Amino acid sequence: MSHRPRHDACPACRLKGRDKAGNNLYHYEDGHEYCFSCGYRKDASVKEILIPIRTPPSKVPFLPVDAKNVLPAIALEWLAKYEIIQQEVMSFNFLWSERLNWLIFPLYNDAYNESLLGYQARNFSGVGPKYRSEGNLKDVITYYNQLDTKEPKRGIILVEDMVSAIKVSRSYTTMPLFGSFLSFEQGRRLRNFFDHLYFWLDYDKTISSMTQAVHLRQHGFQTHFICSEKDPKEYTDEEIISIVDSDRPLTK
């Protein structure tokens, strides 16, 4: 896929208070990016976003007005707890709203982060639900694969949140549900691309994993569920591989 070459602000320079002109980062036609000032590099996007399932409603989602790509210590420490690295923070365009105390995971429908579909936010304010969502997250199918190899995978793992998706996508093709439910239409569309759907929800949603897998299997889907004592994002890369491959290998 060819991309539009252009200059943009370098996120690594901006974190250090540099690149005030916003043009240090160059986007190449193959999708990778490079900063000639600090050496920051971002390979071609790991995100694979399919077309919307249906026409999005007229209401356009908006990010909080103070959303910025500079994260405070509380957010960085929380991400570090799950071994999310700085490269992933930048690659997945994490944002922070100081006013709301939200760590925001935005979802765009283009390679240039210009058309926002919606976002999921982790609420650190201590008031209200832990996660907040805005936009048409259920109207699109978005999955991630951070593997170097481009070999096709037979299965896709369905997890609840973005942090779990990032962790698991280091080893397997993964889709965040932005919740715990896969709609029948989403499942139907995924079947066009993957032979097997694997539900790996957080431990307290184990029954939901089993129920959804059985329900879709009754309608002709090849579905499975993975049960673990902890949430996917709480495991190391090695443990994730061990859990998934010992259950039902996705690559055989």
Protein backbone atom coordinates (compact mmCIF):
# COMPACT_ATOMS: atom_id res chain seq x y z
CA MET A 1 0.00 0.00 0.00
CA SER A 2 1.38 3.41 -0.99
CA HIS A 3 1.22 6.31 1.45
CA ARG A 4 1.43 10.05 0.96
CA PRO A 5 4.95 11.38 1.71
CA ARG A 6 4.91 14.33 4.09
CA HIS A 7 6.64 16.02 7.02
CA ASP A 8 5.09 16.00 10.49
CA ALA A 9 5.98 16.63 14.13
CA CYS A 10 8.32 14.09 15.71
CA PRO A 11 6.74 12.64 18.91
CA ALA A 12 10.16 11.86 20.40
CA CYS A 13 11.41 15.42 19.83
CA ARG A 14 8.17 16.88 21.19
CA LEU A 15 8.55 14.86 24.40
CA LYS A 16 11.84 16.71 24.92
CA GLY A 17 10.37 20.11 24.06
CA ARG A 18 11.92 20.26 20.59
CA ASP A 19 10.58 20.34 17.00
CA LYS A 20 8.51 23.48 17.57
CA ALA A 21 8.07 23.84 13.79
CA GLY A 22 6.47 20.41 13.69
CA ASN A 23 8.34 19.09 10.64
CA ASN A 24 11.21 16.89 11.87
CA LEU A 25 9.48 13.60 11.06
CA TYR A 26 9.30 12.40 7.45
CA HIS A 27 6.63 9.94 6.30
CA TYR A 28 7.80 7.67 3.47
CA GLU A 29 5.64 6.10 0.78
CA ASP A 30 5.98 2.60 2.26
CA GLY A 31 4.49 3.79 5.55
CA HIS A 32 7.57 4.05 7.75
CA GLU A 33 8.68 7.28 9.42
CA TYR A 34 12.09 8.69 10.34
CA CYS A 35 13.32 11.76 12.22
CA PHE A 36 16.63 13.10 10.93
CA SER A 37 17.01 15.18 14.08
CA CYS A 38 16.83 12.59 16.88
CA GLY A 39 16.85 9.31 14.94
CA TYR A 40 13.35 8.24 16.00
CA ARG A 41 11.99 5.62 13.63
CA LYS A 42 8.55 4.12 13.25
CA ASP A 43 8.13 1.20 10.90
CA ALA A 44 5.12 0.79 8.66
CA SER A 45 1.95 0.77 10.73
CA VAL A 46 1.20 -2.40 12.67
CA LYS A 47 -2.47 -1.54 12.54
CA GLU A 48 -4.78 -3.31 10.12
CA ILE A 49 -8.14 -1.58 10.00
CA LEU A 50 -11.00 -2.95 7.95
CA ILE A 51 -13.78 -0.86 6.43
CA PRO A 52 -16.74 0.10 8.63
CA ILE A 53 -19.43 -2.53 9.05
CA ARG A 54 -22.11 0.02 8.36
CA THR A 55 -22.28 3.71 7.66
CA PRO A 56 -21.20 5.59 10.81
CA PRO A 57 -23.84 7.86 12.34
CA SER A 58 -23.69 11.57 11.71
CA LYS A 59 -22.34 12.35 15.18
CA VAL A 60 -18.60 12.82 14.90
CA PRO A 61 -16.55 11.89 17.99
CA PHE A 62 -14.16 14.48 19.41
CA LEU A 63 -11.14 14.03 21.62
CA PRO A 64 -10.99 16.07 24.85
CA VAL A 65 -9.76 19.54 23.93
CA ASP A 66 -6.66 19.20 26.10
CA ALA A 67 -5.63 15.74 24.80
CA LYS A 68 -1.85 15.70 24.24
CA ASN A 69 0.79 13.08 23.48
CA VAL A 70 2.80 13.94 26.60
CA LEU A 71 1.94 11.42 29.31
CA PRO A 72 2.37 12.08 33.05
CA ALA A 73 4.14 9.78 35.47
CA ILE A 74 0.92 8.13 36.67
CA ALA A 75 0.07 6.95 33.15
CA LEU A 76 3.63 5.90 32.30
CA GLU A 77 3.93 3.93 35.54
CA TRP A 78 0.62 2.18 34.87
CA LEU A 79 1.72 1.24 31.34
CA ALA A 80 5.11 0.09 32.61
CA LYS A 81 3.33 -2.26 34.99
CA TYR A 82 2.10 -4.11 31.90
CA GLU A 83 5.47 -3.82 30.12
CA ILE A 84 4.20 -1.44 27.44
CA ILE A 85 7.30 0.11 25.87
CA GLN A 86 7.83 3.71 24.74
CA GLN A 87 7.83 2.71 21.07
CA GLU A 88 4.33 1.28 21.48
CA VAL A 89 3.14 4.40 23.32
CA MET A 90 4.12 6.43 20.26
CA SER A 91 3.08 3.89 17.61
CA PHE A 92 -0.42 3.58 19.04
CA ASN A 93 -0.76 7.35 19.54
CA PHE A 94 -1.54 7.31 23.27
CA LEU A 95 -2.86 10.64 24.55
CA TRP A 96 -3.51 12.21 27.96
CA SER A 97 -6.22 14.58 29.13
CA GLU A 98 -5.06 16.49 32.22
CA ARG A 99 -8.54 17.90 32.84
CA LEU A 100 -10.19 14.48 32.91
CA ASN A 101 -7.22 12.39 34.06
CA TRP A 102 -7.76 10.07 31.11
CA LEU A 103 -5.23 7.94 29.24
CA ILE A 104 -6.70 7.82 25.74
CA PHE A 105 -6.34 5.15 23.06
CA PRO A 106 -7.62 6.76 19.82
CA LEU A 107 -8.82 4.81 16.78
CA TYR A 108 -8.47 6.33 13.32
CA ASN A 109 -9.64 5.07 9.93
CA ASP A 110 -6.64 6.34 7.99
CA ALA A 111 -2.86 6.11 8.14
CA TYR A 112 -2.43 9.81 8.93
CA ASN A 113 -4.52 9.98 12.13
CA GLU A 114 -6.80 12.58 10.57
CA SER A 115 -10.19 10.86 10.73
CA LEU A 116 -11.14 9.83 14.26
CA LEU A 117 -13.56 6.92 14.63
CA GLY A 118 -13.55 6.96 18.40
CA TYR A 119 -11.44 6.13 21.42
CA GLN A 120 -11.22 4.14 24.61
CA ALA A 121 -9.97 5.94 27.72
CA ARG A 122 -8.60 4.59 30.99
CA ASN A 123 -9.97 6.80 33.75
CA PHE A 124 -7.45 7.68 36.48
CA SER A 125 -9.64 10.22 38.27
CA GLY A 126 -11.11 7.71 40.71
CA VAL A 127 -14.60 8.96 39.85
CA GLY A 128 -16.91 7.04 37.53
CA PRO A 129 -16.20 3.89 35.48
CA LYS A 130 -12.63 2.74 34.97
CA TYR A 131 -12.97 2.73 31.17
CA ARG A 132 -14.82 5.17 28.94
CA SER A 133 -15.53 4.83 25.23
CA GLU A 134 -16.62 7.34 22.62
CA GLY A 135 -17.46 6.93 18.95
CA ASN A 136 -18.20 4.05 16.61
CA LEU A 137 -15.90 1.41 18.03
CA LYS A 138 -18.40 -1.37 17.39
CA ASP A 139 -18.99 -0.25 13.80
CA VAL A 140 -15.50 -1.17 12.64
CA ILE A 141 -13.23 -4.16 12.78
CA THR A 142 -9.69 -3.28 13.79
CA TYR A 143 -6.96 -5.77 14.53
CA TYR A 144 -3.25 -5.61 15.28
CA ASN A 145 -0.21 -7.70 14.48
CA GLN A 146 3.26 -6.58 15.53
CA LEU A 147 5.05 -9.64 14.16
CA ASP A 148 7.87 -9.15 11.69
CA THR A 149 6.58 -12.00 9.58
CA LYS A 150 3.69 -11.46 7.18
CA GLU A 151 2.69 -15.11 7.18
CA PRO A 152 -1.10 -15.53 7.37
CA LYS A 153 -2.51 -16.71 10.67
CA ARG A 154 -5.53 -18.95 10.88
CA GLY A 155 -6.83 -17.49 14.12
CA ILE A 156 -7.45 -14.12 15.74
CA ILE A 157 -7.57 -13.53 19.50
CA LEU A 158 -10.30 -11.27 20.85
CA VAL A 159 -9.48 -9.34 24.03
CA GLU A 160 -11.25 -6.61 25.98
CA ASP A 161 -8.96 -3.60 25.93
CA MET A 162 -6.16 -1.90 24.03
CA VAL A 163 -3.36 -2.74 26.47
CA SER A 164 -4.21 -6.45 26.28
CA ALA A 165 -4.42 -6.16 22.48
CA ILE A 166 -0.97 -4.58 22.28
CA LYS A 167 0.57 -7.23 24.54
CA VAL A 168 -0.96 -10.20 22.71
CA SER A 169 -0.37 -8.70 19.25
CA ARG A 170 3.37 -9.02 19.79
CA SER A 171 2.90 -12.74 19.13
CA TYR A 172 -0.56 -13.18 17.56
CA THR A 173 -3.08 -11.29 15.49
CA THR A 174 -5.35 -9.63 18.04
CA MET A 175 -8.51 -7.53 18.10
CA PRO A 176 -9.71 -5.36 21.00
CA LEU A 177 -13.45 -5.58 21.62
CA PHE A 178 -13.49 -2.32 23.60
CA GLY A 179 -15.65 -4.23 26.04
CA SER A 180 -16.50 -7.90 26.40
CA PHE A 181 -18.99 -8.53 23.60
CA LEU A 182 -18.52 -9.44 19.92
CA SER A 183 -21.56 -8.67 17.79
CA PHE A 184 -22.81 -11.28 15.35
CA GLU A 185 -22.07 -8.92 12.46
CA GLN A 186 -18.50 -8.39 13.65
CA GLY A 187 -18.07 -12.14 13.89
CA ARG A 188 -19.48 -12.66 10.40
CA ARG A 189 -17.04 -10.14 8.95
CA LEU A 190 -14.08 -11.62 10.82
CA ARG A 191 -14.90 -15.06 9.40
CA ASN A 192 -14.05 -13.68 5.94
CA PHE A 193 -10.46 -13.20 7.12
CA PHE A 194 -9.82 -15.78 9.84
CA ASP A 195 -10.72 -19.44 10.26
CA HIS A 196 -10.86 -19.38 14.05
CA LEU A 197 -11.98 -16.83 16.63
CA TYR A 198 -10.44 -17.10 20.12
CA PHE A 199 -12.08 -15.30 23.04
CA TRP A 200 -9.57 -14.36 25.74
CA LEU A 201 -11.39 -11.99 28.04
CA ASP A 202 -10.43 -10.89 31.54
CA TYR A 203 -10.81 -13.52 34.24
CA ASP A 204 -14.10 -12.12 35.55
CA LYS A 205 -15.59 -12.50 32.04
CA THR A 206 -14.76 -16.20 31.67
CA ILE A 207 -18.43 -17.19 31.54
CA SER A 208 -19.02 -14.57 28.85
CA SER A 209 -16.13 -16.01 26.82
CA MET A 210 -17.60 -19.49 26.99
CA THR A 211 -21.14 -18.34 26.24
CA GLN A 212 -20.17 -16.28 23.19
CA ALA A 213 -17.90 -19.02 21.83
CA VAL A 214 -20.63 -21.65 22.14
CA HIS A 215 -23.33 -19.36 20.69
CA LEU A 216 -21.31 -18.46 17.60
CA ARG A 217 -20.23 -22.08 17.17
CA GLN A 218 -23.89 -23.06 16.93
CA HIS A 219 -24.13 -20.70 13.96
CA GLY A 220 -21.25 -22.30 12.10
CA PHE A 221 -18.30 -20.31 13.48
CA GLN A 222 -15.03 -21.98 14.53
CA THR A 223 -14.78 -20.43 17.99
CA HIS A 224 -12.80 -21.18 21.13
CA PHE A 225 -12.14 -19.57 24.49
CA ILE A 226 -8.96 -19.21 26.49
CA CYS A 227 -9.26 -19.25 30.27
CA SER A 228 -6.50 -17.85 32.48
CA GLU A 229 -6.20 -16.79 36.10
CA LYS A 230 -5.13 -13.25 35.19
CA ASP A 231 -6.06 -10.75 32.49
CA PRO A 232 -4.08 -11.10 29.22
CA LYS A 233 -2.19 -7.84 29.79
CA GLU A 234 -0.84 -9.11 33.13
CA TYR A 235 1.26 -11.85 31.52
CA THR A 236 4.74 -11.62 30.04
CA ASP A 237 5.29 -12.27 26.34
CA GLU A 238 6.63 -15.74 27.10
CA GLU A 239 3.65 -16.58 29.31
CA ILE A 240 1.21 -15.39 26.65
CA ILE A 241 2.78 -17.70 24.07
CA SER A 242 2.74 -20.59 26.53
CA ILE A 243 -0.92 -20.07 27.43
CA VAL A 244 -2.12 -19.70 23.84
CA ASP A 245 -0.04 -22.48 22.30
CA SER A 246 -0.72 -24.94 25.09
CA ASP A 247 -4.42 -24.32 24.63
CA ARG A 248 -4.90 -24.48 20.87
CA PRO A 249 -2.02 -23.47 18.57
CA LEU A 250 -3.15 -20.74 16.20
CA THR A 251 -0.51 -21.39 13.57
CA LYS A 252 -1.11 -25.07 12.86
